[in-house]
Amino acid sequence: MTANFKQKRIESKRWTDAARGQECAFEFPDICSYNPEQTVFCHAPSEGKGMGIKSDDIWGADGCHECHRLIDNLAFFEQTGFAKEDLYFFWQRAIHKTLRNRYERNIKW
């Protein structure tokens, strides 16, 4: 099965803007700033994501500046001592926390 890269991205400013002022959903030990003022929406990896192309705005998690920098740079991630498998755990947990946050706050796409 091949990805359909011709599909239009799902975009939702309301969904991505909802990250402002929220806690970081990643909370990488010894990395996270735990500063809600720095939180932005981090786009998760997907079939459509690539150089200069973001995943859909509904696929990602809230992250502080430091955690966002870590997940966007695999070489830096590996230098910190985390295993590549750890990245999958942190992404899964962060996406779940972000979806739950949006549901509890009644944020719509």
N, C-alpha and C. Protein backbone atom coordinates (compact mmCIF):
# COMPACT_ATOMS: atom_id res chain seq x y z
N MET A 1 0.85 -1.18 0.00
CA MET A 1 0.00 0.00 0.00
C MET A 1 0.89 1.24 0.00
N THR A 2 0.59 2.16 -0.85
CA THR A 2 1.38 3.38 -0.92
C THR A 2 0.57 4.55 -0.37
N ALA A 3 1.27 5.52 0.13
CA ALA A 3 0.62 6.71 0.67
C ALA A 3 0.05 7.55 -0.45
N ASN A 4 -1.05 8.17 -0.18
CA ASN A 4 -1.65 9.07 -1.16
C ASN A 4 -1.22 10.49 -0.80
N PHE A 5 -0.10 10.92 -1.36
CA PHE A 5 0.45 12.23 -1.02
C PHE A 5 -0.31 13.37 -1.67
N LYS A 6 -1.27 13.05 -2.53
CA LYS A 6 -2.04 14.10 -3.18
C LYS A 6 -3.23 14.55 -2.34
N GLN A 7 -3.46 13.85 -1.22
CA GLN A 7 -4.55 14.27 -0.35
C GLN A 7 -4.23 15.63 0.26
N LYS A 8 -5.25 16.44 0.39
CA LYS A 8 -5.08 17.74 1.02
C LYS A 8 -4.88 17.55 2.53
N ARG A 9 -3.93 18.27 3.08
CA ARG A 9 -3.70 18.23 4.53
C ARG A 9 -4.94 18.69 5.28
N ILE A 10 -5.18 18.06 6.42
CA ILE A 10 -6.23 18.53 7.32
C ILE A 10 -5.60 19.65 8.14
N GLU A 11 -6.17 20.83 8.02
CA GLU A 11 -5.63 21.99 8.73
C GLU A 11 -6.67 22.51 9.71
N SER A 12 -6.21 22.82 10.92
CA SER A 12 -7.11 23.36 11.94
C SER A 12 -6.33 24.28 12.86
N LYS A 13 -6.43 25.55 12.60
CA LYS A 13 -5.77 26.55 13.45
C LYS A 13 -6.30 26.45 14.88
N ARG A 14 -7.59 26.18 15.02
CA ARG A 14 -8.20 26.05 16.35
C ARG A 14 -7.51 24.93 17.13
N TRP A 15 -7.23 23.80 16.44
CA TRP A 15 -6.62 22.64 17.10
C TRP A 15 -5.17 22.92 17.49
N THR A 16 -4.40 23.53 16.59
CA THR A 16 -3.00 23.79 16.89
C THR A 16 -2.84 24.94 17.90
N ASP A 17 -3.68 25.96 17.79
CA ASP A 17 -3.63 27.08 18.73
C ASP A 17 -4.01 26.66 20.15
N ALA A 18 -4.75 25.56 20.27
CA ALA A 18 -5.19 25.08 21.59
C ALA A 18 -4.01 24.60 22.43
N ALA A 19 -2.82 24.49 21.84
CA ALA A 19 -1.63 24.08 22.58
C ALA A 19 -1.13 25.19 23.50
N ARG A 20 -1.43 26.43 23.15
CA ARG A 20 -0.93 27.57 23.93
C ARG A 20 -1.35 27.47 25.39
N GLY A 21 -0.38 27.62 26.27
CA GLY A 21 -0.65 27.65 27.70
C GLY A 21 -0.87 26.28 28.33
N GLN A 22 -0.72 25.22 27.54
CA GLN A 22 -0.93 23.87 28.07
C GLN A 22 0.40 23.28 28.56
N GLU A 23 0.28 22.26 29.38
CA GLU A 23 1.47 21.55 29.84
C GLU A 23 2.07 20.76 28.69
N CYS A 24 3.36 20.56 28.73
CA CYS A 24 4.04 19.73 27.73
C CYS A 24 3.57 18.30 27.93
N ALA A 25 3.14 17.66 26.85
CA ALA A 25 2.65 16.29 26.92
C ALA A 25 3.79 15.27 26.80
N PHE A 26 4.98 15.71 26.45
CA PHE A 26 6.11 14.79 26.30
C PHE A 26 6.85 14.58 27.62
N GLU A 27 7.22 15.67 28.27
CA GLU A 27 7.92 15.62 29.56
C GLU A 27 9.14 14.69 29.55
N PHE A 28 10.03 14.93 28.59
CA PHE A 28 11.27 14.15 28.55
C PHE A 28 12.11 14.48 29.78
N PRO A 29 12.52 13.46 30.54
CA PRO A 29 13.34 13.71 31.73
C PRO A 29 14.63 14.44 31.36
N ASP A 30 14.98 15.42 32.16
CA ASP A 30 16.20 16.22 32.00
C ASP A 30 16.23 17.06 30.72
N ILE A 31 15.12 17.13 29.99
CA ILE A 31 15.03 17.92 28.76
C ILE A 31 13.91 18.95 28.88
N CYS A 32 12.75 18.51 29.32
CA CYS A 32 11.53 19.33 29.34
C CYS A 32 11.71 20.60 30.18
N SER A 33 11.18 21.70 29.65
CA SER A 33 11.25 22.97 30.38
C SER A 33 10.08 23.10 31.37
N TYR A 34 9.04 22.28 31.20
CA TYR A 34 7.84 22.35 32.03
C TYR A 34 7.26 23.76 32.07
N ASN A 35 7.40 24.47 30.97
CA ASN A 35 6.94 25.86 30.90
C ASN A 35 5.78 25.95 29.90
N PRO A 36 4.53 26.06 30.39
CA PRO A 36 3.37 26.14 29.50
C PRO A 36 3.41 27.33 28.53
N GLU A 37 4.18 28.37 28.87
CA GLU A 37 4.29 29.52 27.97
C GLU A 37 5.05 29.18 26.71
N GLN A 38 5.81 28.08 26.71
CA GLN A 38 6.60 27.67 25.55
C GLN A 38 5.90 26.58 24.74
N THR A 39 4.73 26.13 25.16
CA THR A 39 4.09 24.98 24.51
C THR A 39 3.52 25.33 23.14
N VAL A 40 3.84 24.46 22.19
CA VAL A 40 3.32 24.57 20.82
C VAL A 40 2.82 23.19 20.40
N PHE A 41 2.09 23.15 19.29
CA PHE A 41 1.64 21.88 18.75
C PHE A 41 2.76 21.28 17.91
N CYS A 42 3.14 20.05 18.22
CA CYS A 42 4.22 19.34 17.51
C CYS A 42 3.58 18.30 16.59
N HIS A 43 3.84 18.40 15.31
CA HIS A 43 3.27 17.46 14.34
C HIS A 43 3.99 16.11 14.42
N ALA A 44 3.21 15.05 14.57
CA ALA A 44 3.76 13.70 14.70
C ALA A 44 4.15 13.14 13.33
N PRO A 45 5.03 12.16 13.33
CA PRO A 45 5.39 11.51 12.07
C PRO A 45 4.18 10.82 11.44
N SER A 46 4.12 10.83 10.13
CA SER A 46 3.05 10.14 9.40
C SER A 46 3.53 9.89 7.98
N GLU A 47 2.72 9.20 7.20
CA GLU A 47 3.08 8.92 5.81
C GLU A 47 3.28 10.19 5.00
N GLY A 48 2.48 11.20 5.29
CA GLY A 48 2.55 12.43 4.50
C GLY A 48 3.58 13.43 4.96
N LYS A 49 4.21 13.19 6.11
CA LYS A 49 5.17 14.15 6.65
C LYS A 49 6.53 13.93 6.00
N GLY A 50 7.19 15.02 5.68
CA GLY A 50 8.52 14.93 5.08
C GLY A 50 9.19 16.28 5.14
N MET A 51 10.27 16.44 4.40
CA MET A 51 11.00 17.69 4.39
C MET A 51 10.09 18.81 3.91
N GLY A 52 9.79 19.74 4.80
CA GLY A 52 8.95 20.87 4.45
C GLY A 52 7.46 20.56 4.38
N ILE A 53 7.09 19.34 4.74
CA ILE A 53 5.67 18.95 4.71
C ILE A 53 5.28 18.43 6.09
N LYS A 54 4.29 19.06 6.71
CA LYS A 54 3.84 18.65 8.03
C LYS A 54 2.72 17.62 7.91
N SER A 55 2.57 16.83 8.97
CA SER A 55 1.42 15.94 9.07
C SER A 55 0.16 16.78 9.22
N ASP A 56 -0.98 16.13 9.17
CA ASP A 56 -2.24 16.82 9.41
C ASP A 56 -2.21 17.51 10.78
N ASP A 57 -2.94 18.59 10.89
CA ASP A 57 -2.97 19.35 12.15
C ASP A 57 -3.67 18.61 13.28
N ILE A 58 -4.31 17.51 12.99
CA ILE A 58 -4.95 16.73 14.05
C ILE A 58 -4.05 15.61 14.56
N TRP A 59 -2.86 15.45 13.96
CA TRP A 59 -1.97 14.36 14.32
C TRP A 59 -0.70 14.93 14.95
N GLY A 60 -0.68 14.99 16.27
CA GLY A 60 0.47 15.51 16.96
C GLY A 60 0.19 15.66 18.44
N ALA A 61 1.04 16.42 19.10
CA ALA A 61 0.92 16.57 20.55
C ALA A 61 1.47 17.92 20.99
N ASP A 62 1.05 18.34 22.17
CA ASP A 62 1.53 19.59 22.76
C ASP A 62 2.92 19.37 23.35
N GLY A 63 3.85 20.25 23.00
CA GLY A 63 5.20 20.10 23.53
C GLY A 63 5.87 21.43 23.78
N CYS A 64 6.70 21.47 24.81
CA CYS A 64 7.47 22.68 25.09
C CYS A 64 8.57 22.81 24.03
N HIS A 65 9.21 23.95 24.01
CA HIS A 65 10.26 24.23 23.03
C HIS A 65 11.37 23.18 23.08
N GLU A 66 11.80 22.82 24.27
CA GLU A 66 12.93 21.89 24.41
C GLU A 66 12.57 20.49 23.94
N CYS A 67 11.38 20.00 24.30
CA CYS A 67 10.95 18.67 23.85
C CYS A 67 10.71 18.66 22.35
N HIS A 68 10.18 19.77 21.81
CA HIS A 68 9.96 19.86 20.37
C HIS A 68 11.29 19.80 19.62
N ARG A 69 12.27 20.47 20.11
CA ARG A 69 13.60 20.45 19.50
C ARG A 69 14.16 19.01 19.51
N LEU A 70 13.92 18.31 20.60
CA LEU A 70 14.43 16.95 20.74
C LEU A 70 13.78 15.99 19.74
N ILE A 71 12.46 16.05 19.59
CA ILE A 71 11.77 15.11 18.71
C ILE A 71 11.98 15.42 17.23
N ASP A 72 12.35 16.65 16.93
CA ASP A 72 12.59 17.04 15.54
C ASP A 72 14.01 16.76 15.07
N ASN A 73 14.86 16.30 15.96
CA ASN A 73 16.26 16.07 15.61
C ASN A 73 16.69 14.70 16.14
N LEU A 74 16.59 13.69 15.29
CA LEU A 74 16.90 12.32 15.72
C LEU A 74 18.34 12.18 16.20
N ALA A 75 19.27 12.86 15.56
CA ALA A 75 20.67 12.78 16.00
C ALA A 75 20.82 13.33 17.42
N PHE A 76 20.19 14.46 17.70
CA PHE A 76 20.22 15.04 19.05
C PHE A 76 19.53 14.09 20.03
N PHE A 77 18.41 13.50 19.60
CA PHE A 77 17.66 12.56 20.45
C PHE A 77 18.57 11.41 20.89
N GLU A 78 19.29 10.84 19.95
CA GLU A 78 20.16 9.71 20.26
C GLU A 78 21.36 10.14 21.11
N GLN A 79 21.83 11.38 20.96
CA GLN A 79 22.94 11.88 21.78
C GLN A 79 22.56 12.00 23.24
N THR A 80 21.26 12.18 23.52
CA THR A 80 20.81 12.36 24.90
C THR A 80 20.79 11.06 25.67
N GLY A 81 20.97 9.92 24.98
CA GLY A 81 20.98 8.63 25.66
C GLY A 81 19.66 7.87 25.55
N PHE A 82 18.66 8.49 24.95
CA PHE A 82 17.40 7.78 24.74
C PHE A 82 17.57 6.80 23.58
N ALA A 83 16.89 5.67 23.67
CA ALA A 83 16.87 4.72 22.56
C ALA A 83 15.79 5.15 21.58
N LYS A 84 15.96 4.74 20.31
CA LYS A 84 14.98 5.09 19.29
C LYS A 84 13.58 4.60 19.68
N GLU A 85 13.51 3.47 20.35
CA GLU A 85 12.22 2.93 20.79
C GLU A 85 11.54 3.85 21.81
N ASP A 86 12.34 4.59 22.57
CA ASP A 86 11.79 5.52 23.54
C ASP A 86 10.96 6.60 22.85
N LEU A 87 11.39 6.99 21.67
CA LEU A 87 10.69 8.04 20.93
C LEU A 87 9.25 7.62 20.65
N TYR A 88 9.05 6.36 20.27
CA TYR A 88 7.70 5.87 20.01
C TYR A 88 6.84 5.92 21.27
N PHE A 89 7.42 5.53 22.39
CA PHE A 89 6.68 5.58 23.66
C PHE A 89 6.26 7.01 23.99
N PHE A 90 7.20 7.94 23.89
CA PHE A 90 6.89 9.33 24.24
C PHE A 90 5.87 9.93 23.28
N TRP A 91 5.97 9.61 21.98
CA TRP A 91 4.97 10.11 21.03
C TRP A 91 3.59 9.57 21.36
N GLN A 92 3.49 8.26 21.59
CA GLN A 92 2.19 7.65 21.87
C GLN A 92 1.57 8.26 23.12
N ARG A 93 2.35 8.39 24.17
CA ARG A 93 1.84 8.96 25.42
C ARG A 93 1.43 10.42 25.22
N ALA A 94 2.25 11.19 24.50
CA ALA A 94 1.96 12.61 24.30
C ALA A 94 0.71 12.82 23.45
N ILE A 95 0.54 12.02 22.40
CA ILE A 95 -0.66 12.14 21.57
C ILE A 95 -1.90 11.82 22.40
N HIS A 96 -1.83 10.77 23.20
CA HIS A 96 -2.97 10.43 24.05
C HIS A 96 -3.29 11.56 25.03
N LYS A 97 -2.27 12.09 25.68
CA LYS A 97 -2.49 13.19 26.64
C LYS A 97 -3.09 14.42 25.94
N THR A 98 -2.63 14.70 24.73
CA THR A 98 -3.13 15.86 23.99
C THR A 98 -4.57 15.65 23.55
N LEU A 99 -4.89 14.47 23.03
CA LEU A 99 -6.28 14.18 22.64
C LEU A 99 -7.21 14.27 23.85
N ARG A 100 -6.78 13.74 24.96
CA ARG A 100 -7.60 13.80 26.18
C ARG A 100 -7.79 15.25 26.63
N ASN A 101 -6.73 16.03 26.55
CA ASN A 101 -6.79 17.46 26.90
C ASN A 101 -7.81 18.19 26.03
N ARG A 102 -7.75 17.93 24.71
CA ARG A 102 -8.69 18.60 23.79
C ARG A 102 -10.12 18.16 24.08
N TYR A 103 -10.33 16.89 24.36
CA TYR A 103 -11.67 16.37 24.66
C TYR A 103 -12.21 17.02 25.93
N GLU A 104 -11.40 17.05 26.98
CA GLU A 104 -11.84 17.62 28.26
C GLU A 104 -12.13 19.11 28.16
N ARG A 105 -11.43 19.79 27.25
CA ARG A 105 -11.64 21.24 27.05
C ARG A 105 -12.67 21.52 25.96
N ASN A 106 -13.21 20.44 25.38
CA ASN A 106 -14.24 20.55 24.32
C ASN A 106 -13.74 21.35 23.12
N ILE A 107 -12.47 21.10 22.74
CA ILE A 107 -11.90 21.76 21.58
C ILE A 107 -12.27 20.94 20.34
N LYS A 108 -12.87 21.56 19.37
CA LYS A 108 -13.26 20.90 18.12
C LYS A 108 -12.22 21.17 17.05
N TRP A 109 -12.20 20.32 16.02
CA TRP A 109 -11.26 20.51 14.93
C TRP A 109 -11.45 21.89 14.39
